[in-house]
Amino acid sequence: MFTRKSIDIDGELISYIEENNNKPKILFLHGFASSGESAQQLYNIKNRTYDIIALDFPGCGHSSTKKPISIEYYQFIAKRFAQEMNLKDFIVIGHSLGGASALYLLNEKVAKKAILGAPINYDMLHSTSQKVKQKWLLPDNLQQAYESMDSLVFADKLGYKNNLNKTAERFFNFMSIRKPAFLDMVINEILNPSYLENNIKSLYLQRNDYEFIIGEKDLFVTYNSIMSVAVENNKKVHSLPDCGHALFFEKPEEINKIIEDIVKEVY
């Protein structure tokens, strides 16, 4: 059973959910403009051998937005959160943008192992243009929001495709309010080749204990980009066929099996 709580981190009110079943605790770090609840289909699986704790980054979910948002600020929040929660020798899962913070925790020796689900990486702009990704992340109109949400999921699970209009409208309304807060991070970090090469690449090159999960049909972070990074750094890849960027929504059972196997190895 999950409970929602909040904690003050340097003046930022960070909301989070956690379960306490006396099992190894895994920290889940969500992706861009998402929330800790984005892996709900995974959380719904019964008899897992691990507990989840998942925060909402500033500007997302139920958390506040007191300071300018950046990847570095998210990394700072993630580290302080882990320390405040007294998490030690734990596994961290980072999805998409959350991968940058997951790697940071690993390299700072705060986390023991990182599982990176379709993470932001230094090779990801080679297949999809910056302009396409920008309109998906920061849509200027409802049509762009529709394209973004349609591209997010490959399979039509739980009637997702039938509800695209409503999903796109919610996303567009959210971004219409939050775009000013996210704009700098998107333009100057997420979609900036120089930032990816100079800041994100260094997180991977430390080559600590991490491995990848990637959907073979992912349009946001492509399978080929992950394979390129994995080969360069000699890391394991778990590939999911017929799966897009919304890994935890589309393939929760398969991902749970991967996590369960890693938990056995680590603990």
C-alpha atoms as a PDB file:
ATOM      1  CA  MET A   1       0.000   0.000   0.000  1.00  0.00           C
ATOM      2  CA  PHE A   2       1.331   3.392  -0.995  1.00  0.00           C
ATOM      3  CA  THR A   3       1.134   6.504   1.141  1.00  0.00           C
ATOM      4  CA  ARG A   4       1.728  10.050  -0.131  1.00  0.00           C
ATOM      5  CA  LYS A   5       3.909  12.334   1.922  1.00  0.00           C
ATOM      6  CA  SER A   6       5.962  15.476   1.437  1.00  0.00           C
ATOM      7  CA  ILE A   7       9.329  16.749   2.590  1.00  0.00           C
ATOM      8  CA  ASP A   8      10.997  20.155   2.509  1.00  0.00           C
ATOM      9  CA  ILE A   9      14.283  20.109   0.626  1.00  0.00           C
ATOM     10  CA  ASP A  10      16.053  23.452   0.654  1.00  0.00           C
ATOM     11  CA  GLY A  11      12.747  25.324   0.539  1.00  0.00           C
ATOM     12  CA  GLU A  12      11.213  23.071  -2.125  1.00  0.00           C
ATOM     13  CA  LEU A  13       8.196  21.025  -1.076  1.00  0.00           C
ATOM     14  CA  ILE A  14       8.810  17.603  -2.595  1.00  0.00           C
ATOM     15  CA  SER A  15       5.877  15.218  -2.753  1.00  0.00           C
ATOM     16  CA  TYR A  16       6.480  11.479  -2.885  1.00  0.00           C
ATOM     17  CA  ILE A  17       4.800   8.115  -2.578  1.00  0.00           C
ATOM     18  CA  GLU A  18       6.231   5.107  -0.790  1.00  0.00           C
ATOM     19  CA  GLU A  19       5.380   1.656   0.408  1.00  0.00           C
ATOM     20  CA  ASN A  20       6.808  -0.021   3.487  1.00  0.00           C
ATOM     21  CA  ASN A  21       6.598  -3.798   3.370  1.00  0.00           C
ATOM     22  CA  ASN A  22      10.072  -4.406   4.807  1.00  0.00           C
ATOM     23  CA  LYS A  23      11.454  -5.248   1.382  1.00  0.00           C
ATOM     24  CA  PRO A  24      14.464  -3.769  -0.435  1.00  0.00           C
ATOM     25  CA  LYS A  25      13.518  -0.224  -1.412  1.00  0.00           C
ATOM     26  CA  ILE A  26      13.941   1.020  -4.971  1.00  0.00           C
ATOM     27  CA  LEU A  27      13.907   4.735  -5.780  1.00  0.00           C
ATOM     28  CA  PHE A  28      12.022   5.601  -8.978  1.00  0.00           C
ATOM     29  CA  LEU A  29      12.911   8.845 -10.774  1.00  0.00           C
ATOM     30  CA  HIS A  30      10.400   9.870 -13.425  1.00  0.00           C
ATOM     31  CA  GLY A  31      10.868  11.509 -16.798  1.00  0.00           C
ATOM     32  CA  PHE A  32      10.183  14.950 -18.252  1.00  0.00           C
ATOM     33  CA  ALA A  33       6.989  16.707 -17.082  1.00  0.00           C
ATOM     34  CA  SER A  34       5.761  13.460 -15.524  1.00  0.00           C
ATOM     35  CA  SER A  35       5.392  12.302 -11.910  1.00  0.00           C
ATOM     36  CA  GLY A  36       6.271   9.517  -9.517  1.00  0.00           C
ATOM     37  CA  GLU A  37       2.980   7.852 -10.416  1.00  0.00           C
ATOM     38  CA  SER A  38       4.010   7.326 -14.048  1.00  0.00           C
ATOM     39  CA  ALA A  39       5.021   3.726 -13.339  1.00  0.00           C
ATOM     40  CA  GLN A  40       1.641   2.898 -11.786  1.00  0.00           C
ATOM     41  CA  GLN A  41       1.200  -0.228 -13.930  1.00  0.00           C
ATOM     42  CA  LEU A  42       4.423  -1.554 -12.402  1.00  0.00           C
ATOM     43  CA  TYR A  43       3.323  -0.609  -8.891  1.00  0.00           C
ATOM     44  CA  ASN A  44       0.062  -2.513  -9.389  1.00  0.00           C
ATOM     45  CA  ILE A  45       1.872  -5.836  -9.727  1.00  0.00           C
ATOM     46  CA  LYS A  46       1.264  -7.923  -6.621  1.00  0.00           C
ATOM     47  CA  ASN A  47       3.855  -9.841  -4.609  1.00  0.00           C
ATOM     48  CA  ARG A  48       6.852  -7.866  -5.815  1.00  0.00           C
ATOM     49  CA  THR A  49      10.073  -8.594  -3.931  1.00  0.00           C
ATOM     50  CA  TYR A  50      10.842  -4.883  -3.560  1.00  0.00           C
ATOM     51  CA  ASP A  51       9.236  -1.690  -2.268  1.00  0.00           C
ATOM     52  CA  ILE A  52       9.014   1.517  -4.280  1.00  0.00           C
ATOM     53  CA  ILE A  53       9.608   5.102  -3.238  1.00  0.00           C
ATOM     54  CA  ALA A  54       8.982   7.683  -5.959  1.00  0.00           C
ATOM     55  CA  LEU A  55       9.244  11.458  -5.802  1.00  0.00           C
ATOM     56  CA  ASP A  56       7.749  14.192  -7.950  1.00  0.00           C
ATOM     57  CA  PHE A  57      10.504  16.468  -9.241  1.00  0.00           C
ATOM     58  CA  PRO A  58       9.982  20.261  -8.938  1.00  0.00           C
ATOM     59  CA  GLY A  59       7.395  21.488 -11.422  1.00  0.00           C
ATOM     60  CA  CYS A  60       5.834  18.027 -11.659  1.00  0.00           C
ATOM     61  CA  GLY A  61       3.067  16.135  -9.903  1.00  0.00           C
ATOM     62  CA  HIS A  62       2.352  17.517  -6.444  1.00  0.00           C
ATOM     63  CA  SER A  63       5.743  19.159  -5.854  1.00  0.00           C
ATOM     64  CA  SER A  64       6.412  22.892  -5.776  1.00  0.00           C
ATOM     65  CA  THR A  65       8.460  25.022  -8.174  1.00  0.00           C
ATOM     66  CA  LYS A  66      10.408  27.507  -6.083  1.00  0.00           C
ATOM     67  CA  LYS A  67      13.629  27.682  -8.087  1.00  0.00           C
ATOM     68  CA  PRO A  68      14.655  27.564 -11.765  1.00  0.00           C
ATOM     69  CA  ILE A  69      14.396  24.033 -13.129  1.00  0.00           C
ATOM     70  CA  SER A  70      17.468  22.336 -14.576  1.00  0.00           C
ATOM     71  CA  ILE A  71      18.949  18.869 -14.757  1.00  0.00           C
ATOM     72  CA  GLU A  72      21.508  19.882 -12.132  1.00  0.00           C
ATOM     73  CA  TYR A  73      18.719  21.028  -9.818  1.00  0.00           C
ATOM     74  CA  TYR A  74      16.897  17.726 -10.279  1.00  0.00           C
ATOM     75  CA  GLN A  75      20.136  15.893  -9.466  1.00  0.00           C
ATOM     76  CA  PHE A  76      20.547  17.972  -6.318  1.00  0.00           C
ATOM     77  CA  ILE A  77      16.950  17.232  -5.268  1.00  0.00           C
ATOM     78  CA  ALA A  78      17.378  13.495  -5.923  1.00  0.00           C
ATOM     79  CA  LYS A  79      20.553  13.305  -3.847  1.00  0.00           C
ATOM     80  CA  ARG A  80      19.140  15.286  -0.943  1.00  0.00           C
ATOM     81  CA  PHE A  81      15.934  13.255  -1.061  1.00  0.00           C
ATOM     82  CA  ALA A  82      17.845   9.971  -0.846  1.00  0.00           C
ATOM     83  CA  GLN A  83      19.853  11.312   2.075  1.00  0.00           C
ATOM     84  CA  GLU A  84      16.793  12.638   3.915  1.00  0.00           C
ATOM     85  CA  MET A  85      15.028   9.296   3.413  1.00  0.00           C
ATOM     86  CA  ASN A  86      18.133   7.540   4.729  1.00  0.00           C
ATOM     87  CA  LEU A  87      18.331   5.343   1.643  1.00  0.00           C
ATOM     88  CA  LYS A  88      21.562   3.366   1.564  1.00  0.00           C
ATOM     89  CA  ASP A  89      23.002   0.844  -0.916  1.00  0.00           C
ATOM     90  CA  PHE A  90      19.792   0.972  -2.924  1.00  0.00           C
ATOM     91  CA  ILE A  91      18.793   0.459  -6.545  1.00  0.00           C
ATOM     92  CA  VAL A  92      17.621   3.531  -8.434  1.00  0.00           C
ATOM     93  CA  ILE A  93      15.459   3.419 -11.550  1.00  0.00           C
ATOM     94  CA  GLY A  94      15.626   6.419 -13.862  1.00  0.00           C
ATOM     95  CA  HIS A  95      13.169   6.772 -16.724  1.00  0.00           C
ATOM     96  CA  SER A  96      14.003   9.119 -19.608  1.00  0.00           C
ATOM     97  CA  LEU A  97      15.109  12.461 -18.087  1.00  0.00           C
ATOM     98  CA  GLY A  98      15.254  10.734 -14.696  1.00  0.00           C
ATOM     99  CA  GLY A  99      18.201   8.748 -16.031  1.00  0.00           C
ATOM    100  CA  ALA A 100      20.483  11.772 -15.588  1.00  0.00           C
ATOM    101  CA  SER A 101      19.662  11.936 -11.884  1.00  0.00           C
ATOM    102  CA  ALA A 102      19.896   8.160 -11.475  1.00  0.00           C
ATOM    103  CA  LEU A 103      23.415   8.152 -12.935  1.00  0.00           C
ATOM    104  CA  TYR A 104      24.330  11.106 -10.732  1.00  0.00           C
ATOM    105  CA  LEU A 105      23.269   9.200  -7.598  1.00  0.00           C
ATOM    106  CA  LEU A 106      25.277   6.218  -8.772  1.00  0.00           C
ATOM    107  CA  ASN A 107      28.395   8.249  -9.476  1.00  0.00           C
ATOM    108  CA  GLU A 108      28.070  10.106  -6.166  1.00  0.00           C
ATOM    109  CA  LYS A 109      28.081   6.706  -4.416  1.00  0.00           C
ATOM    110  CA  VAL A 110      24.602   7.349  -3.036  1.00  0.00           C
ATOM    111  CA  ALA A 111      22.963   4.514  -5.000  1.00  0.00           C
ATOM    112  CA  LYS A 112      24.386   1.019  -5.464  1.00  0.00           C
ATOM    113  CA  LYS A 113      23.041   0.266  -8.942  1.00  0.00           C
ATOM    114  CA  ALA A 114      21.057   2.100 -11.613  1.00  0.00           C
ATOM    115  CA  ILE A 115      18.446   0.712 -13.982  1.00  0.00           C
ATOM    116  CA  LEU A 116      18.049   3.168 -16.851  1.00  0.00           C
ATOM    117  CA  GLY A 117      14.778   3.017 -18.764  1.00  0.00           C
ATOM    118  CA  ALA A 118      15.084   4.795 -22.130  1.00  0.00           C
ATOM    119  CA  PRO A 119      17.340   7.413 -20.524  1.00  0.00           C
ATOM    120  CA  ILE A 120      18.485  10.766 -21.831  1.00  0.00           C
ATOM    121  CA  ASN A 121      21.846  10.137 -23.470  1.00  0.00           C
ATOM    122  CA  TYR A 122      24.537  11.760 -25.578  1.00  0.00           C
ATOM    123  CA  ASP A 123      23.579   9.943 -28.804  1.00  0.00           C
ATOM    124  CA  MET A 124      19.832  10.574 -28.785  1.00  0.00           C
ATOM    125  CA  LEU A 125      19.668  13.539 -31.195  1.00  0.00           C
ATOM    126  CA  HIS A 126      21.124  11.639 -34.131  1.00  0.00           C
ATOM    127  CA  SER A 127      17.865  10.001 -35.205  1.00  0.00           C
ATOM    128  CA  THR A 128      15.126  12.513 -34.413  1.00  0.00           C
ATOM    129  CA  SER A 129      15.602  16.199 -35.143  1.00  0.00           C
ATOM    130  CA  GLN A 130      15.758  18.767 -32.365  1.00  0.00           C
ATOM    131  CA  LYS A 131      12.759  20.575 -33.855  1.00  0.00           C
ATOM    132  CA  VAL A 132      10.613  17.428 -33.743  1.00  0.00           C
ATOM    133  CA  LYS A 133      11.607  16.653 -30.177  1.00  0.00           C
ATOM    134  CA  GLN A 134      11.043  20.259 -29.121  1.00  0.00           C
ATOM    135  CA  LYS A 135       7.461  20.300 -30.393  1.00  0.00           C
ATOM    136  CA  TRP A 136       6.826  16.981 -28.642  1.00  0.00           C
ATOM    137  CA  LEU A 137       8.215  18.245 -25.329  1.00  0.00           C
ATOM    138  CA  LEU A 138       6.892  21.812 -25.554  1.00  0.00           C
ATOM    139  CA  PRO A 139       3.871  21.743 -27.886  1.00  0.00           C
ATOM    140  CA  ASP A 140       2.654  25.073 -29.245  1.00  0.00           C
ATOM    141  CA  ASN A 141      -0.778  23.749 -30.131  1.00  0.00           C
ATOM    142  CA  LEU A 142      -3.129  20.845 -29.554  1.00  0.00           C
ATOM    143  CA  GLN A 143      -2.052  19.045 -32.743  1.00  0.00           C
ATOM    144  CA  GLN A 144       1.577  18.953 -31.577  1.00  0.00           C
ATOM    145  CA  ALA A 145       0.440  17.696 -28.173  1.00  0.00           C
ATOM    146  CA  TYR A 146      -1.531  14.952 -29.938  1.00  0.00           C
ATOM    147  CA  GLU A 147       1.523  13.928 -31.976  1.00  0.00           C
ATOM    148  CA  SER A 148       3.607  13.857 -28.803  1.00  0.00           C
ATOM    149  CA  MET A 149       1.209  11.634 -26.877  1.00  0.00           C
ATOM    150  CA  ASP A 150       0.676   9.399 -29.912  1.00  0.00           C
ATOM    151  CA  SER A 151       4.445   8.957 -30.320  1.00  0.00           C
ATOM    152  CA  LEU A 152       4.882   8.154 -26.637  1.00  0.00           C
ATOM    153  CA  VAL A 153       3.153   4.757 -26.736  1.00  0.00           C
ATOM    154  CA  PHE A 154       3.560   2.074 -29.405  1.00  0.00           C
ATOM    155  CA  ALA A 155       0.884  -0.457 -28.481  1.00  0.00           C
ATOM    156  CA  ASP A 156      -2.781   0.366 -27.908  1.00  0.00           C
ATOM    157  CA  LYS A 157      -2.865  -0.729 -24.283  1.00  0.00           C
ATOM    158  CA  LEU A 158      -5.808  -0.074 -21.946  1.00  0.00           C
ATOM    159  CA  GLY A 159      -7.546   1.887 -24.684  1.00  0.00           C
ATOM    160  CA  TYR A 160      -4.738   4.439 -24.795  1.00  0.00           C
ATOM    161  CA  LYS A 161      -5.127   5.268 -28.485  1.00  0.00           C
ATOM    162  CA  ASN A 162      -8.894   5.687 -28.118  1.00  0.00           C
ATOM    163  CA  ASN A 163      -8.331   8.342 -25.460  1.00  0.00           C
ATOM    164  CA  LEU A 164      -5.601  10.263 -27.285  1.00  0.00           C
ATOM    165  CA  ASN A 165      -7.694  13.401 -27.704  1.00  0.00           C
ATOM    166  CA  LYS A 166      -8.296  13.722 -23.964  1.00  0.00           C
ATOM    167  CA  THR A 167      -4.702  12.791 -23.124  1.00  0.00           C
ATOM    168  CA  ALA A 168      -3.359  15.353 -25.584  1.00  0.00           C
ATOM    169  CA  GLU A 169      -5.664  18.030 -24.212  1.00  0.00           C
ATOM    170  CA  ARG A 170      -4.493  17.383 -20.635  1.00  0.00           C
ATOM    171  CA  PHE A 171      -0.848  17.497 -21.711  1.00  0.00           C
ATOM    172  CA  PHE A 172      -1.324  20.677 -23.728  1.00  0.00           C
ATOM    173  CA  ASN A 173      -3.146  22.405 -20.866  1.00  0.00           C
ATOM    174  CA  PHE A 174      -0.406  21.354 -18.448  1.00  0.00           C
ATOM    175  CA  MET A 175       2.375  22.597 -20.710  1.00  0.00           C
ATOM    176  CA  SER A 176       0.523  25.837 -21.437  1.00  0.00           C
ATOM    177  CA  ILE A 177       0.959  26.613 -17.748  1.00  0.00           C
ATOM    178  CA  ARG A 178       4.362  25.027 -17.097  1.00  0.00           C
ATOM    179  CA  LYS A 179       6.197  25.770 -20.359  1.00  0.00           C
ATOM    180  CA  PRO A 180       8.010  28.851 -18.957  1.00  0.00           C
ATOM    181  CA  ALA A 181       9.399  26.716 -16.126  1.00  0.00           C
ATOM    182  CA  PHE A 182      10.631  23.947 -18.452  1.00  0.00           C
ATOM    183  CA  LEU A 183      11.763  26.010 -21.441  1.00  0.00           C
ATOM    184  CA  ASP A 184      15.359  26.658 -20.414  1.00  0.00           C
ATOM    185  CA  MET A 185      16.002  23.028 -19.455  1.00  0.00           C
ATOM    186  CA  VAL A 186      14.595  21.772 -22.761  1.00  0.00           C
ATOM    187  CA  ILE A 187      16.420  24.222 -25.034  1.00  0.00           C
ATOM    188  CA  ASN A 188      19.739  24.546 -23.227  1.00  0.00           C
ATOM    189  CA  GLU A 189      20.098  21.044 -21.787  1.00  0.00           C
ATOM    190  CA  ILE A 190      17.861  18.240 -23.084  1.00  0.00           C
ATOM    191  CA  LEU A 191      18.052  19.310 -26.743  1.00  0.00           C
ATOM    192  CA  ASN A 192      21.469  20.950 -26.665  1.00  0.00           C
ATOM    193  CA  PRO A 193      24.082  18.725 -28.385  1.00  0.00           C
ATOM    194  CA  SER A 194      26.901  20.501 -26.553  1.00  0.00           C
ATOM    195  CA  TYR A 195      25.283  19.905 -23.159  1.00  0.00           C
ATOM    196  CA  LEU A 196      24.643  16.252 -23.951  1.00  0.00           C
ATOM    197  CA  GLU A 197      28.247  15.764 -25.055  1.00  0.00           C
ATOM    198  CA  ASN A 198      29.875  17.684 -22.208  1.00  0.00           C
ATOM    199  CA  ASN A 199      27.552  16.974 -19.276  1.00  0.00           C
ATOM    200  CA  ILE A 200      25.459  13.885 -19.922  1.00  0.00           C
ATOM    201  CA  LYS A 201      28.217  11.825 -21.547  1.00  0.00           C
ATOM    202  CA  SER A 202      30.467  12.185 -18.506  1.00  0.00           C
ATOM    203  CA  LEU A 203      27.778  10.552 -16.354  1.00  0.00           C
ATOM    204  CA  TYR A 204      27.961   7.431 -18.522  1.00  0.00           C
ATOM    205  CA  LEU A 205      31.726   7.351 -18.951  1.00  0.00           C
ATOM    206  CA  GLN A 206      32.311   6.779 -15.241  1.00  0.00           C
ATOM    207  CA  ARG A 207      31.004   3.303 -16.062  1.00  0.00           C
ATOM    208  CA  ASN A 208      29.627   2.430 -12.662  1.00  0.00           C
ATOM    209  CA  ASP A 209      27.036  -0.321 -12.208  1.00  0.00           C
ATOM    210  CA  TYR A 210      24.151   0.467 -14.556  1.00  0.00           C
ATOM    211  CA  GLU A 211      22.190  -1.289 -17.268  1.00  0.00           C
ATOM    212  CA  PHE A 212      19.521  -0.324 -19.772  1.00  0.00           C
ATOM    213  CA  ILE A 213      15.915  -1.126 -20.594  1.00  0.00           C
ATOM    214  CA  ILE A 214      14.716   0.142 -23.973  1.00  0.00           C
ATOM    215  CA  GLY A 215      11.638  -0.284 -26.138  1.00  0.00           C
ATOM    216  CA  GLU A 216      12.547  -1.300 -29.670  1.00  0.00           C
ATOM    217  CA  LYS A 217       9.887   1.079 -31.053  1.00  0.00           C
ATOM    218  CA  ASP A 218      10.816   4.084 -28.893  1.00  0.00           C
ATOM    219  CA  LEU A 219      10.572   7.345 -30.865  1.00  0.00           C
ATOM    220  CA  PHE A 220      11.792   9.671 -28.109  1.00  0.00           C
ATOM    221  CA  VAL A 221      14.959   7.811 -27.095  1.00  0.00           C
ATOM    222  CA  THR A 222      15.678   5.347 -29.851  1.00  0.00           C
ATOM    223  CA  TYR A 223      16.820   1.767 -29.526  1.00  0.00           C
ATOM    224  CA  ASN A 224      19.851   2.533 -31.707  1.00  0.00           C
ATOM    225  CA  SER A 225      20.972   5.409 -29.480  1.00  0.00           C
ATOM    226  CA  ILE A 226      20.867   3.192 -26.405  1.00  0.00           C
ATOM    227  CA  MET A 227      22.702   0.380 -28.165  1.00  0.00           C
ATOM    228  CA  SER A 228      25.421   2.810 -29.238  1.00  0.00           C
ATOM    229  CA  VAL A 229      25.939   4.063 -25.679  1.00  0.00           C
ATOM    230  CA  ALA A 230      25.735   0.539 -24.240  1.00  0.00           C
ATOM    231  CA  VAL A 231      28.337  -0.849 -26.635  1.00  0.00           C
ATOM    232  CA  GLU A 232      30.709   2.051 -26.003  1.00  0.00           C
ATOM    233  CA  ASN A 233      30.467   1.555 -22.245  1.00  0.00           C
ATOM    234  CA  ASN A 234      30.150  -2.246 -22.263  1.00  0.00           C
ATOM    235  CA  LYS A 235      26.751  -2.290 -20.537  1.00  0.00           C
ATOM    236  CA  LYS A 236      23.868  -4.751 -20.599  1.00  0.00           C
ATOM    237  CA  VAL A 237      20.682  -3.918 -22.523  1.00  0.00           C
ATOM    238  CA  HIS A 238      17.230  -5.400 -21.937  1.00  0.00           C
ATOM    239  CA  SER A 239      15.258  -4.733 -25.128  1.00  0.00           C
ATOM    240  CA  LEU A 240      11.468  -4.858 -25.221  1.00  0.00           C
ATOM    241  CA  PRO A 241       9.876  -5.650 -28.610  1.00  0.00           C
ATOM    242  CA  ASP A 242       6.731  -3.785 -29.681  1.00  0.00           C
ATOM    243  CA  CYS A 243       7.284  -1.163 -26.988  1.00  0.00           C
ATOM    244  CA  GLY A 244       7.576   2.612 -27.156  1.00  0.00           C
ATOM    245  CA  HIS A 245       8.900   5.216 -24.717  1.00  0.00           C
ATOM    246  CA  ALA A 246       6.255   4.601 -22.049  1.00  0.00           C
ATOM    247  CA  LEU A 247       8.021   1.431 -20.912  1.00  0.00           C
ATOM    248  CA  PHE A 248       6.413   1.046 -17.504  1.00  0.00           C
ATOM    249  CA  PHE A 249       2.934   1.554 -18.936  1.00  0.00           C
ATOM    250  CA  GLU A 250       3.387  -0.768 -21.898  1.00  0.00           C
ATOM    251  CA  LYS A 251       5.490  -3.613 -20.463  1.00  0.00           C
ATOM    252  CA  PRO A 252       5.177  -3.652 -16.641  1.00  0.00           C
ATOM    253  CA  GLU A 253       5.314  -7.439 -16.257  1.00  0.00           C
ATOM    254  CA  GLU A 254       8.458  -7.759 -18.359  1.00  0.00           C
ATOM    255  CA  ILE A 255      10.138  -4.889 -16.525  1.00  0.00           C
ATOM    256  CA  ASN A 256       9.164  -6.313 -13.154  1.00  0.00           C
ATOM    257  CA  LYS A 257      10.884  -9.583 -14.083  1.00  0.00           C
ATOM    258  CA  ILE A 258      14.051  -7.652 -14.989  1.00  0.00           C
ATOM    259  CA  ILE A 259      13.936  -5.756 -11.691  1.00  0.00           C
ATOM    260  CA  GLU A 260      13.269  -8.923  -9.680  1.00  0.00           C
ATOM    261  CA  ASP A 261      16.324 -10.598 -11.215  1.00  0.00           C
ATOM    262  CA  ILE A 262      18.494  -7.562 -10.451  1.00  0.00           C
ATOM    263  CA  VAL A 263      17.216  -7.430  -6.862  1.00  0.00           C
ATOM    264  CA  LYS A 264      18.317 -11.060  -6.430  1.00  0.00           C
ATOM    265  CA  GLU A 265      21.784 -10.177  -7.685  1.00  0.00           C
ATOM    266  CA  VAL A 266      22.211  -7.028  -5.611  1.00  0.00           C
ATOM    267  CA  TYR A 267      20.727  -8.021  -2.250  1.00  0.00           C
END
